[in-house]
Amino acid sequence: NGRPLASGPIKKTLTSANLSEAFGAEVNLRK
């Protein structure tokens, strides 16, 4: 919504929790 939800090193910012909030649905991130 035009605001920074998370910003920084990818290991800390690219998480299931942050992406779930960003896209408005529960998602699971795997590497």
mmCIF file of all heavy atoms, coordinates in Angstrom:
data_MODEL
# 
_entry.id   MODEL 
# 
loop_
_atom_site.group_PDB 
_atom_site.id 
_atom_site.type_symbol 
_atom_site.label_atom_id 
_atom_site.label_alt_id 
_atom_site.label_comp_id 
_atom_site.label_asym_id 
_atom_site.label_entity_id 
_atom_site.label_seq_id 
_atom_site.pdbx_PDB_ins_code 
_atom_site.Cartn_x 
_atom_site.Cartn_y 
_atom_site.Cartn_z 
_atom_site.occupancy 
_atom_site.B_iso_or_equiv 
_atom_site.pdbx_formal_charge 
_atom_site.auth_seq_id 
_atom_site.auth_comp_id 
_atom_site.auth_asym_id 
_atom_site.auth_atom_id 
_atom_site.pdbx_PDB_model_num 
ATOM 1   N N   . ASN A 1 1  ? 0.825  -1.222  0.000  1.00 0.00 ? 1  ASN A N   1 
ATOM 2   C CA  . ASN A 1 1  ? 0.000  0.000   0.000  1.00 0.00 ? 1  ASN A CA  1 
ATOM 3   C C   . ASN A 1 1  ? 0.856  1.267   0.000  1.00 0.00 ? 1  ASN A C   1 
ATOM 4   O O   . ASN A 1 1  ? 0.555  2.244   0.688  1.00 0.00 ? 1  ASN A O   1 
ATOM 5   C CB  . ASN A 1 1  ? -0.939 0.017   1.203  1.00 0.00 ? 1  ASN A CB  1 
ATOM 6   C CG  . ASN A 1 1  ? -1.930 -1.134  1.183  1.00 0.00 ? 1  ASN A CG  1 
ATOM 7   O OD1 . ASN A 1 1  ? -2.329 -1.601  0.118  1.00 0.00 ? 1  ASN A OD1 1 
ATOM 8   N ND2 . ASN A 1 1  ? -2.332 -1.600  2.354  1.00 0.00 ? 1  ASN A ND2 1 
ATOM 9   N N   . GLY A 1 2  ? 1.943  1.235   -0.778 1.00 0.00 ? 2  GLY A N   1 
ATOM 10  C CA  . GLY A 1 2  ? 2.783  2.415   -0.922 1.00 0.00 ? 2  GLY A CA  1 
ATOM 11  C C   . GLY A 1 2  ? 3.776  2.638   0.191  1.00 0.00 ? 2  GLY A C   1 
ATOM 12  O O   . GLY A 1 2  ? 4.515  3.616   0.176  1.00 0.00 ? 2  GLY A O   1 
ATOM 13  N N   . ARG A 1 3  ? 3.815  1.752   1.156  1.00 0.00 ? 3  ARG A N   1 
ATOM 14  C CA  . ARG A 1 3  ? 4.712  1.914   2.299  1.00 0.00 ? 3  ARG A CA  1 
ATOM 15  C C   . ARG A 1 3  ? 5.701  0.746   2.371  1.00 0.00 ? 3  ARG A C   1 
ATOM 16  O O   . ARG A 1 3  ? 5.362  -0.372  1.995  1.00 0.00 ? 3  ARG A O   1 
ATOM 17  C CB  . ARG A 1 3  ? 3.912  1.996   3.601  1.00 0.00 ? 3  ARG A CB  1 
ATOM 18  C CG  . ARG A 1 3  ? 3.051  3.252   3.719  1.00 0.00 ? 3  ARG A CG  1 
ATOM 19  C CD  . ARG A 1 3  ? 2.269  3.247   5.028  1.00 0.00 ? 3  ARG A CD  1 
ATOM 20  N NE  . ARG A 1 3  ? 1.609  4.513   5.273  1.00 0.00 ? 3  ARG A NE  1 
ATOM 21  C CZ  . ARG A 1 3  ? 0.418  4.835   4.781  1.00 0.00 ? 3  ARG A CZ  1 
ATOM 22  N NH1 . ARG A 1 3  ? -0.241 3.955   4.029  1.00 0.00 ? 3  ARG A NH1 1 
ATOM 23  N NH2 . ARG A 1 3  ? -0.119 6.012   5.050  1.00 0.00 ? 3  ARG A NH2 1 
ATOM 24  N N   . PRO A 1 4  ? 6.901  1.014   2.882  1.00 0.00 ? 4  PRO A N   1 
ATOM 25  C CA  . PRO A 1 4  ? 7.870  -0.079  3.034  1.00 0.00 ? 4  PRO A CA  1 
ATOM 26  C C   . PRO A 1 4  ? 7.455  -1.018  4.163  1.00 0.00 ? 4  PRO A C   1 
ATOM 27  O O   . PRO A 1 4  ? 7.338  -0.594  5.313  1.00 0.00 ? 4  PRO A O   1 
ATOM 28  C CB  . PRO A 1 4  ? 9.177  0.643   3.349  1.00 0.00 ? 4  PRO A CB  1 
ATOM 29  C CG  . PRO A 1 4  ? 8.760  1.968   3.935  1.00 0.00 ? 4  PRO A CG  1 
ATOM 30  C CD  . PRO A 1 4  ? 7.472  2.328   3.274  1.00 0.00 ? 4  PRO A CD  1 
ATOM 31  N N   . LEU A 1 5  ? 7.219  -2.268  3.826  1.00 0.00 ? 5  LEU A N   1 
ATOM 32  C CA  . LEU A 1 5  ? 6.881  -3.280  4.821  1.00 0.00 ? 5  LEU A CA  1 
ATOM 33  C C   . LEU A 1 5  ? 8.141  -3.882  5.429  1.00 0.00 ? 5  LEU A C   1 
ATOM 34  O O   . LEU A 1 5  ? 8.207  -4.154  6.630  1.00 0.00 ? 5  LEU A O   1 
ATOM 35  C CB  . LEU A 1 5  ? 6.030  -4.376  4.174  1.00 0.00 ? 5  LEU A CB  1 
ATOM 36  C CG  . LEU A 1 5  ? 5.688  -5.599  5.014  1.00 0.00 ? 5  LEU A CG  1 
ATOM 37  C CD1 . LEU A 1 5  ? 4.800  -5.205  6.188  1.00 0.00 ? 5  LEU A CD1 1 
ATOM 38  C CD2 . LEU A 1 5  ? 4.983  -6.653  4.159  1.00 0.00 ? 5  LEU A CD2 1 
ATOM 39  N N   . ALA A 1 6  ? 9.156  -4.094  4.597  1.00 0.00 ? 6  ALA A N   1 
ATOM 40  C CA  . ALA A 1 6  ? 10.434 -4.629  5.059  1.00 0.00 ? 6  ALA A CA  1 
ATOM 41  C C   . ALA A 1 6  ? 11.519 -4.189  4.093  1.00 0.00 ? 6  ALA A C   1 
ATOM 42  O O   . ALA A 1 6  ? 11.290 -4.107  2.886  1.00 0.00 ? 6  ALA A O   1 
ATOM 43  C CB  . ALA A 1 6  ? 10.396 -6.157  5.150  1.00 0.00 ? 6  ALA A CB  1 
ATOM 44  N N   . SER A 1 7  ? 12.694 -3.909  4.625  1.00 0.00 ? 7  SER A N   1 
ATOM 45  C CA  . SER A 1 7  ? 13.804 -3.459  3.788  1.00 0.00 ? 7  SER A CA  1 
ATOM 46  C C   . SER A 1 7  ? 15.117 -3.828  4.458  1.00 0.00 ? 7  SER A C   1 
ATOM 47  O O   . SER A 1 7  ? 15.300 -3.567  5.655  1.00 0.00 ? 7  SER A O   1 
ATOM 48  C CB  . SER A 1 7  ? 13.735 -1.940  3.588  1.00 0.00 ? 7  SER A CB  1 
ATOM 49  O OG  . SER A 1 7  ? 14.818 -1.478  2.820  1.00 0.00 ? 7  SER A OG  1 
ATOM 50  N N   . GLY A 1 8  ? 16.008 -4.463  3.689  1.00 0.00 ? 8  GLY A N   1 
ATOM 51  C CA  . GLY A 1 8  ? 17.299 -4.811  4.250  1.00 0.00 ? 8  GLY A CA  1 
ATOM 52  C C   . GLY A 1 8  ? 17.848 -6.092  3.667  1.00 0.00 ? 8  GLY A C   1 
ATOM 53  O O   . GLY A 1 8  ? 17.408 -6.545  2.601  1.00 0.00 ? 8  GLY A O   1 
ATOM 54  N N   . PRO A 1 9  ? 18.814 -6.703  4.353  1.00 0.00 ? 9  PRO A N   1 
ATOM 55  C CA  . PRO A 1 9  ? 19.411 -7.957  3.863  1.00 0.00 ? 9  PRO A CA  1 
ATOM 56  C C   . PRO A 1 9  ? 18.348 -8.997  3.575  1.00 0.00 ? 9  PRO A C   1 
ATOM 57  O O   . PRO A 1 9  ? 17.389 -9.168  4.332  1.00 0.00 ? 9  PRO A O   1 
ATOM 58  C CB  . PRO A 1 9  ? 20.316 -8.385  5.024  1.00 0.00 ? 9  PRO A CB  1 
ATOM 59  C CG  . PRO A 1 9  ? 20.680 -7.104  5.697  1.00 0.00 ? 9  PRO A CG  1 
ATOM 60  C CD  . PRO A 1 9  ? 19.462 -6.234  5.593  1.00 0.00 ? 9  PRO A CD  1 
ATOM 61  N N   . ILE A 1 10 ? 18.512 -9.691  2.461  1.00 0.00 ? 10 ILE A N   1 
ATOM 62  C CA  . ILE A 1 10 ? 17.459 -10.574 1.959  1.00 0.00 ? 10 ILE A CA  1 
ATOM 63  C C   . ILE A 1 10 ? 17.154 -11.716 2.923  1.00 0.00 ? 10 ILE A C   1 
ATOM 64  O O   . ILE A 1 10 ? 16.009 -12.183 3.008  1.00 0.00 ? 10 ILE A O   1 
ATOM 65  C CB  . ILE A 1 10 ? 17.863 -11.102 0.558  1.00 0.00 ? 10 ILE A CB  1 
ATOM 66  C CG1 . ILE A 1 10 ? 16.622 -11.533 -0.220 1.00 0.00 ? 10 ILE A CG1 1 
ATOM 67  C CG2 . ILE A 1 10 ? 18.896 -12.203 0.639  1.00 0.00 ? 10 ILE A CG2 1 
ATOM 68  C CD1 . ILE A 1 10 ? 16.870 -11.705 -1.702 1.00 0.00 ? 10 ILE A CD1 1 
ATOM 69  N N   . LYS A 1 11 ? 18.137 -12.161 3.695  1.00 0.00 ? 11 LYS A N   1 
ATOM 70  C CA  . LYS A 1 11 ? 17.903 -13.261 4.626  1.00 0.00 ? 11 LYS A CA  1 
ATOM 71  C C   . LYS A 1 11 ? 16.930 -12.871 5.729  1.00 0.00 ? 11 LYS A C   1 
ATOM 72  O O   . LYS A 1 11 ? 16.237 -13.724 6.288  1.00 0.00 ? 11 LYS A O   1 
ATOM 73  C CB  . LYS A 1 11 ? 19.224 -13.720 5.232  1.00 0.00 ? 11 LYS A CB  1 
ATOM 74  C CG  . LYS A 1 11 ? 20.156 -14.404 4.242  1.00 0.00 ? 11 LYS A CG  1 
ATOM 75  C CD  . LYS A 1 11 ? 21.435 -14.856 4.921  1.00 0.00 ? 11 LYS A CD  1 
ATOM 76  C CE  . LYS A 1 11 ? 22.359 -15.558 3.931  1.00 0.00 ? 11 LYS A CE  1 
ATOM 77  N NZ  . LYS A 1 11 ? 23.627 -16.012 4.576  1.00 0.00 ? 11 LYS A NZ  1 
ATOM 78  N N   . LYS A 1 12 ? 16.868 -11.568 6.038  1.00 0.00 ? 12 LYS A N   1 
ATOM 79  C CA  . LYS A 1 12 ? 15.981 -11.103 7.100  1.00 0.00 ? 12 LYS A CA  1 
ATOM 80  C C   . LYS A 1 12 ? 14.641 -10.608 6.574  1.00 0.00 ? 12 LYS A C   1 
ATOM 81  O O   . LYS A 1 12 ? 13.627 -10.684 7.280  1.00 0.00 ? 12 LYS A O   1 
ATOM 82  C CB  . LYS A 1 12 ? 16.667 -9.986  7.895  1.00 0.00 ? 12 LYS A CB  1 
ATOM 83  C CG  . LYS A 1 12 ? 17.903 -10.435 8.655  1.00 0.00 ? 12 LYS A CG  1 
ATOM 84  C CD  . LYS A 1 12 ? 18.488 -9.286  9.463  1.00 0.00 ? 12 LYS A CD  1 
ATOM 85  C CE  . LYS A 1 12 ? 19.699 -9.746  10.274 1.00 0.00 ? 12 LYS A CE  1 
ATOM 86  N NZ  . LYS A 1 12 ? 20.289 -8.642  11.084 1.00 0.00 ? 12 LYS A NZ  1 
ATOM 87  N N   . THR A 1 13 ? 14.627 -10.082 5.368  1.00 0.00 ? 13 THR A N   1 
ATOM 88  C CA  . THR A 1 13 ? 13.407 -9.454  4.853  1.00 0.00 ? 13 THR A CA  1 
ATOM 89  C C   . THR A 1 13 ? 12.533 -10.406 4.044  1.00 0.00 ? 13 THR A C   1 
ATOM 90  O O   . THR A 1 13 ? 11.309 -10.303 4.087  1.00 0.00 ? 13 THR A O   1 
ATOM 91  C CB  . THR A 1 13 ? 13.760 -8.250  3.968  1.00 0.00 ? 13 THR A CB  1 
ATOM 92  O OG1 . THR A 1 13 ? 14.671 -8.662  2.953  1.00 0.00 ? 13 THR A OG1 1 
ATOM 93  C CG2 . THR A 1 13 ? 14.395 -7.145  4.779  1.00 0.00 ? 13 THR A CG2 1 
ATOM 94  N N   . LEU A 1 14 ? 13.154 -11.316 3.295  1.00 0.00 ? 14 LEU A N   1 
ATOM 95  C CA  . LEU A 1 14 ? 12.379 -12.201 2.428  1.00 0.00 ? 14 LEU A CA  1 
ATOM 96  C C   . LEU A 1 14 ? 11.952 -13.422 3.241  1.00 0.00 ? 14 LEU A C   1 
ATOM 97  O O   . LEU A 1 14 ? 12.639 -14.456 3.262  1.00 0.00 ? 14 LEU A O   1 
ATOM 98  C CB  . LEU A 1 14 ? 13.208 -12.614 1.207  1.00 0.00 ? 14 LEU A CB  1 
ATOM 99  C CG  . LEU A 1 14 ? 12.402 -13.090 -0.016 1.00 0.00 ? 14 LEU A CG  1 
ATOM 100 C CD1 . LEU A 1 14 ? 11.491 -12.001 -0.518 1.00 0.00 ? 14 LEU A CD1 1 
ATOM 101 C CD2 . LEU A 1 14 ? 13.338 -13.537 -1.129 1.00 0.00 ? 14 LEU A CD2 1 
ATOM 102 N N   . THR A 1 15 ? 10.803 -13.287 3.903  1.00 0.00 ? 15 THR A N   1 
ATOM 103 C CA  . THR A 1 15 ? 10.290 -14.341 4.773  1.00 0.00 ? 15 THR A CA  1 
ATOM 104 C C   . THR A 1 15 ? 8.838  -14.637 4.430  1.00 0.00 ? 15 THR A C   1 
ATOM 105 O O   . THR A 1 15 ? 8.151  -13.820 3.808  1.00 0.00 ? 15 THR A O   1 
ATOM 106 C CB  . THR A 1 15 ? 10.369 -13.926 6.249  1.00 0.00 ? 15 THR A CB  1 
ATOM 107 O OG1 . THR A 1 15 ? 9.481  -12.804 6.470  1.00 0.00 ? 15 THR A OG1 1 
ATOM 108 C CG2 . THR A 1 15 ? 11.786 -13.532 6.639  1.00 0.00 ? 15 THR A CG2 1 
ATOM 109 N N   . SER A 1 16 ? 8.382  -15.799 4.871  1.00 0.00 ? 16 SER A N   1 
ATOM 110 C CA  . SER A 1 16 ? 6.978  -16.168 4.652  1.00 0.00 ? 16 SER A CA  1 
ATOM 111 C C   . SER A 1 16 ? 6.049  -15.152 5.291  1.00 0.00 ? 16 SER A C   1 
ATOM 112 O O   . SER A 1 16 ? 5.019  -14.769 4.711  1.00 0.00 ? 16 SER A O   1 
ATOM 113 C CB  . SER A 1 16 ? 6.708  -17.567 5.222  1.00 0.00 ? 16 SER A CB  1 
ATOM 114 O OG  . SER A 1 16 ? 7.463  -18.550 4.552  1.00 0.00 ? 16 SER A OG  1 
ATOM 115 N N   . ALA A 1 17 ? 6.391  -14.699 6.499  1.00 0.00 ? 17 ALA A N   1 
ATOM 116 C CA  . ALA A 1 17 ? 5.538  -13.748 7.208  1.00 0.00 ? 17 ALA A CA  1 
ATOM 117 C C   . ALA A 1 17 ? 5.425  -12.425 6.460  1.00 0.00 ? 17 ALA A C   1 
ATOM 118 O O   . ALA A 1 17 ? 4.323  -11.874 6.300  1.00 0.00 ? 17 ALA A O   1 
ATOM 119 C CB  . ALA A 1 17 ? 6.086  -13.522 8.615  1.00 0.00 ? 17 ALA A CB  1 
ATOM 120 N N   . ASN A 1 18 ? 6.551  -11.889 5.995  1.00 0.00 ? 18 ASN A N   1 
ATOM 121 C CA  . ASN A 1 18 ? 6.516  -10.607 5.287  1.00 0.00 ? 18 ASN A CA  1 
ATOM 122 C C   . ASN A 1 18 ? 5.770  -10.716 3.963  1.00 0.00 ? 18 ASN A C   1 
ATOM 123 O O   . ASN A 1 18 ? 4.981  -9.827  3.590  1.00 0.00 ? 18 ASN A O   1 
ATOM 124 C CB  . ASN A 1 18 ? 7.932  -10.111 5.033  1.00 0.00 ? 18 ASN A CB  1 
ATOM 125 C CG  . ASN A 1 18 ? 8.579  -9.538  6.284  1.00 0.00 ? 18 ASN A CG  1 
ATOM 126 O OD1 . ASN A 1 18 ? 7.895  -9.146  7.231  1.00 0.00 ? 18 ASN A OD1 1 
ATOM 127 N ND2 . ASN A 1 18 ? 9.904  -9.490  6.300  1.00 0.00 ? 18 ASN A ND2 1 
ATOM 128 N N   . LEU A 1 19 ? 5.990  -11.802 3.232  1.00 0.00 ? 19 LEU A N   1 
ATOM 129 C CA  . LEU A 1 19 ? 5.313  -11.963 1.943  1.00 0.00 ? 19 LEU A CA  1 
ATOM 130 C C   . LEU A 1 19 ? 3.826  -12.232 2.137  1.00 0.00 ? 19 LEU A C   1 
ATOM 131 O O   . LEU A 1 19 ? 2.995  -11.794 1.332  1.00 0.00 ? 19 LEU A O   1 
ATOM 132 C CB  . LEU A 1 19 ? 5.973  -13.086 1.142  1.00 0.00 ? 19 LEU A CB  1 
ATOM 133 C CG  . LEU A 1 19 ? 7.404  -12.785 0.673  1.00 0.00 ? 19 LEU A CG  1 
ATOM 134 C CD1 . LEU A 1 19 ? 7.998  -14.007 -0.024 1.00 0.00 ? 19 LEU A CD1 1 
ATOM 135 C CD2 . LEU A 1 19 ? 7.435  -11.577 -0.256 1.00 0.00 ? 19 LEU A CD2 1 
ATOM 136 N N   . SER A 1 20 ? 3.454  -12.939 3.191  1.00 0.00 ? 20 SER A N   1 
ATOM 137 C CA  . SER A 1 20 ? 2.033  -13.171 3.479  1.00 0.00 ? 20 SER A CA  1 
ATOM 138 C C   . SER A 1 20 ? 1.328  -11.847 3.729  1.00 0.00 ? 20 SER A C   1 
ATOM 139 O O   . SER A 1 20 ? 0.222  -11.606 3.232  1.00 0.00 ? 20 SER A O   1 
ATOM 140 C CB  . SER A 1 20 ? 1.876  -14.091 4.696  1.00 0.00 ? 20 SER A CB  1 
ATOM 141 O OG  . SER A 1 20 ? 2.362  -15.385 4.421  1.00 0.00 ? 20 SER A OG  1 
ATOM 142 N N   . GLU A 1 21 ? 1.979  -10.969 4.486  1.00 0.00 ? 21 GLU A N   1 
ATOM 143 C CA  . GLU A 1 21 ? 1.383  -9.657  4.753  1.00 0.00 ? 21 GLU A CA  1 
ATOM 144 C C   . GLU A 1 21 ? 1.351  -8.800  3.494  1.00 0.00 ? 21 GLU A C   1 
ATOM 145 O O   . GLU A 1 21 ? 0.373  -8.093  3.232  1.00 0.00 ? 21 GLU A O   1 
ATOM 146 C CB  . GLU A 1 21 ? 2.161  -8.946  5.856  1.00 0.00 ? 21 GLU A CB  1 
ATOM 147 C CG  . GLU A 1 21 ? 1.526  -7.631  6.273  1.00 0.00 ? 21 GLU A CG  1 
ATOM 148 C CD  . GLU A 1 21 ? 2.172  -7.007  7.489  1.00 0.00 ? 21 GLU A CD  1 
ATOM 149 O OE1 . GLU A 1 21 ? 2.993  -7.685  8.151  1.00 0.00 ? 21 GLU A OE1 1 
ATOM 150 O OE2 . GLU A 1 21 ? 1.856  -5.837  7.778  1.00 0.00 ? 21 GLU A OE2 1 
ATOM 151 N N   . ALA A 1 22 ? 2.402  -8.869  2.700  1.00 0.00 ? 22 ALA A N   1 
ATOM 152 C CA  . ALA A 1 22 ? 2.475  -8.041  1.495  1.00 0.00 ? 22 ALA A CA  1 
ATOM 153 C C   . ALA A 1 22 ? 1.400  -8.416  0.485  1.00 0.00 ? 22 ALA A C   1 
ATOM 154 O O   . ALA A 1 22 ? 0.790  -7.543  -0.151 1.00 0.00 ? 22 ALA A O   1 
ATOM 155 C CB  . ALA A 1 22 ? 3.855  -8.162  0.853  1.00 0.00 ? 22 ALA A CB  1 
ATOM 156 N N   . PHE A 1 23 ? 1.132  -9.724  0.326  1.00 0.00 ? 23 PHE A N   1 
ATOM 157 C CA  . PHE A 1 23 ? 0.185  -10.188 -0.685 1.00 0.00 ? 23 PHE A CA  1 
ATOM 158 C C   . PHE A 1 23 ? -1.199 -10.486 -0.121 1.00 0.00 ? 23 PHE A C   1 
ATOM 159 O O   . PHE A 1 23 ? -2.108 -10.876 -0.856 1.00 0.00 ? 23 PHE A O   1 
ATOM 160 C CB  . PHE A 1 23 ? 0.746  -11.420 -1.397 1.00 0.00 ? 23 PHE A CB  1 
ATOM 161 C CG  . PHE A 1 23 ? 1.945  -11.118 -2.258 1.00 0.00 ? 23 PHE A CG  1 
ATOM 162 C CD1 . PHE A 1 23 ? 3.214  -11.507 -1.879 1.00 0.00 ? 23 PHE A CD1 1 
ATOM 163 C CD2 . PHE A 1 23 ? 1.803  -10.416 -3.447 1.00 0.00 ? 23 PHE A CD2 1 
ATOM 164 C CE1 . PHE A 1 23 ? 4.323  -11.227 -2.662 1.00 0.00 ? 23 PHE A CE1 1 
ATOM 165 C CE2 . PHE A 1 23 ? 2.899  -10.118 -4.246 1.00 0.00 ? 23 PHE A CE2 1 
ATOM 166 C CZ  . PHE A 1 23 ? 4.161  -10.521 -3.851 1.00 0.00 ? 23 PHE A CZ  1 
ATOM 167 N N   . GLY A 1 24 ? -1.369 -10.317 1.176  1.00 0.00 ? 24 GLY A N   1 
ATOM 168 C CA  . GLY A 1 24 ? -2.690 -10.468 1.775  1.00 0.00 ? 24 GLY A CA  1 
ATOM 169 C C   . GLY A 1 24 ? -3.217 -11.882 1.790  1.00 0.00 ? 24 GLY A C   1 
ATOM 170 O O   . GLY A 1 24 ? -4.432 -12.105 1.741  1.00 0.00 ? 24 GLY A O   1 
ATOM 171 N N   . ALA A 1 25 ? -2.330 -12.854 1.850  1.00 0.00 ? 25 ALA A N   1 
ATOM 172 C CA  . ALA A 1 25 ? -2.730 -14.271 1.909  1.00 0.00 ? 25 ALA A CA  1 
ATOM 173 C C   . ALA A 1 25 ? -1.570 -15.058 2.499  1.00 0.00 ? 25 ALA A C   1 
ATOM 174 O O   . ALA A 1 25 ? -0.405 -14.681 2.349  1.00 0.00 ? 25 ALA A O   1 
ATOM 175 C CB  . ALA A 1 25 ? -3.088 -14.809 0.528  1.00 0.00 ? 25 ALA A CB  1 
ATOM 176 N N   . GLU A 1 26 ? -1.897 -16.150 3.169  1.00 0.00 ? 26 GLU A N   1 
ATOM 177 C CA  . GLU A 1 26 ? -0.844 -16.953 3.774  1.00 0.00 ? 26 GLU A CA  1 
ATOM 178 C C   . GLU A 1 26 ? -0.065 -17.698 2.694  1.00 0.00 ? 26 GLU A C   1 
ATOM 179 O O   . GLU A 1 26 ? -0.633 -18.457 1.912  1.00 0.00 ? 26 GLU A O   1 
ATOM 180 C CB  . GLU A 1 26 ? -1.435 -17.960 4.766  1.00 0.00 ? 26 GLU A CB  1 
ATOM 181 C CG  . GLU A 1 26 ? -0.369 -18.741 5.525  1.00 0.00 ? 26 GLU A CG  1 
ATOM 182 C CD  . GLU A 1 26 ? -0.950 -19.743 6.493  1.00 0.00 ? 26 GLU A CD  1 
ATOM 183 O OE1 . GLU A 1 26 ? -2.187 -19.774 6.644  1.00 0.00 ? 26 GLU A OE1 1 
ATOM 184 O OE2 . GLU A 1 26 ? -0.165 -20.516 7.086  1.00 0.00 ? 26 GLU A OE2 1 
ATOM 185 N N   . VAL A 1 27 ? 1.240  -17.462 2.672  1.00 0.00 ? 27 VAL A N   1 
ATOM 186 C CA  . VAL A 1 27 ? 2.108  -18.124 1.707  1.00 0.00 ? 27 VAL A CA  1 
ATOM 187 C C   . VAL A 1 27 ? 3.290  -18.739 2.442  1.00 0.00 ? 27 VAL A C   1 
ATOM 188 O O   . VAL A 1 27 ? 3.651  -18.317 3.545  1.00 0.00 ? 27 VAL A O   1 
ATOM 189 C CB  . VAL A 1 27 ? 2.622  -17.143 0.622  1.00 0.00 ? 27 VAL A CB  1 
ATOM 190 C CG1 . VAL A 1 27 ? 1.476  -16.580 -0.198 1.00 0.00 ? 27 VAL A CG1 1 
ATOM 191 C CG2 . VAL A 1 27 ? 3.428  -16.014 1.257  1.00 0.00 ? 27 VAL A CG2 1 
ATOM 192 N N   . ASN A 1 28 ? 3.872  -19.732 1.817  1.00 0.00 ? 28 ASN A N   1 
ATOM 193 C CA  . ASN A 1 28 ? 5.046  -20.398 2.377  1.00 0.00 ? 28 ASN A CA  1 
ATOM 194 C C   . ASN A 1 28 ? 6.228  -20.213 1.432  1.00 0.00 ? 28 ASN A C   1 
ATOM 195 O O   . ASN A 1 28 ? 6.141  -20.556 0.252  1.00 0.00 ? 28 ASN A O   1 
ATOM 196 C CB  . ASN A 1 28 ? 4.774  -21.896 2.577  1.00 0.00 ? 28 ASN A CB  1 
ATOM 197 C CG  . ASN A 1 28 ? 3.684  -22.144 3.593  1.00 0.00 ? 28 ASN A CG  1 
ATOM 198 O OD1 . ASN A 1 28 ? 3.633  -21.486 4.630  1.00 0.00 ? 28 ASN A OD1 1 
ATOM 199 N ND2 . ASN A 1 28 ? 2.799  -23.094 3.306  1.00 0.00 ? 28 ASN A ND2 1 
ATOM 200 N N   . LEU A 1 29 ? 7.306  -19.651 1.976  1.00 0.00 ? 29 LEU A N   1 
ATOM 201 C CA  . LEU A 1 29 ? 8.511  -19.403 1.186  1.00 0.00 ? 29 LEU A CA  1 
ATOM 202 C C   . LEU A 1 29 ? 9.549  -20.469 1.515  1.00 0.00 ? 29 LEU A C   1 
ATOM 203 O O   . LEU A 1 29 ? 9.812  -20.757 2.680  1.00 0.00 ? 29 LEU A O   1 
ATOM 204 C CB  . LEU A 1 29 ? 9.084  -18.020 1.509  1.00 0.00 ? 29 LEU A CB  1 
ATOM 205 C CG  . LEU A 1 29 ? 10.372 -17.636 0.772  1.00 0.00 ? 29 LEU A CG  1 
ATOM 206 C CD1 . LEU A 1 29 ? 10.076 -17.360 -0.698 1.00 0.00 ? 29 LEU A CD1 1 
ATOM 207 C CD2 . LEU A 1 29 ? 11.012 -16.413 1.429  1.00 0.00 ? 29 LEU A CD2 1 
ATOM 208 N N   . ARG A 1 30 ? 10.128 -21.036 0.470  1.00 0.00 ? 30 ARG A N   1 
ATOM 209 C CA  . ARG A 1 30 ? 11.179 -22.019 0.649  1.00 0.00 ? 30 ARG A CA  1 
ATOM 210 C C   . ARG A 1 30 ? 12.367 -21.655 -0.234 1.00 0.00 ? 30 ARG A C   1 
ATOM 211 O O   . ARG A 1 30 ? 12.201 -21.058 -1.290 1.00 0.00 ? 30 ARG A O   1 
ATOM 212 C CB  . ARG A 1 30 ? 10.688 -23.425 0.281  1.00 0.00 ? 30 ARG A CB  1 
ATOM 213 C CG  . ARG A 1 30 ? 9.589  -23.963 1.198  1.00 0.00 ? 30 ARG A CG  1 
ATOM 214 C CD  . ARG A 1 30 ? 9.175  -25.353 0.785  1.00 0.00 ? 30 ARG A CD  1 
ATOM 215 N NE  . ARG A 1 30 ? 8.127  -25.890 1.659  1.00 0.00 ? 30 ARG A NE  1 
ATOM 216 C CZ  . ARG A 1 30 ? 7.581  -27.086 1.512  1.00 0.00 ? 30 ARG A CZ  1 
ATOM 217 N NH1 . ARG A 1 30 ? 7.982  -27.877 0.511  1.00 0.00 ? 30 ARG A NH1 1 
ATOM 218 N NH2 . ARG A 1 30 ? 6.642  -27.494 2.337  1.00 0.00 ? 30 ARG A NH2 1 
ATOM 219 N N   . LYS A 1 31 ? 13.541 -22.044 0.224  1.00 0.00 ? 31 LYS A N   1 
ATOM 220 C CA  . LYS A 1 31 ? 14.755 -21.822 -0.546 1.00 0.00 ? 31 LYS A CA  1 
ATOM 221 C C   . LYS A 1 31 ? 15.406 -23.157 -0.832 1.00 0.00 ? 31 LYS A C   1 
ATOM 222 O O   . LYS A 1 31 ? 15.651 -23.951 0.088  1.00 0.00 ? 31 LYS A O   1 
ATOM 223 C CB  . LYS A 1 31 ? 15.720 -20.923 0.217  1.00 0.00 ? 31 LYS A CB  1 
ATOM 224 C CG  . LYS A 1 31 ? 16.959 -20.520 -0.579 1.00 0.00 ? 31 LYS A CG  1 
ATOM 225 C CD  . LYS A 1 31 ? 17.812 -19.543 0.209  1.00 0.00 ? 31 LYS A CD  1 
ATOM 226 C CE  . LYS A 1 31 ? 19.018 -19.083 -0.606 1.00 0.00 ? 31 LYS A CE  1 
ATOM 227 N NZ  . LYS A 1 31 ? 19.865 -18.123 0.137  1.00 0.00 ? 31 LYS A NZ  1 
# 
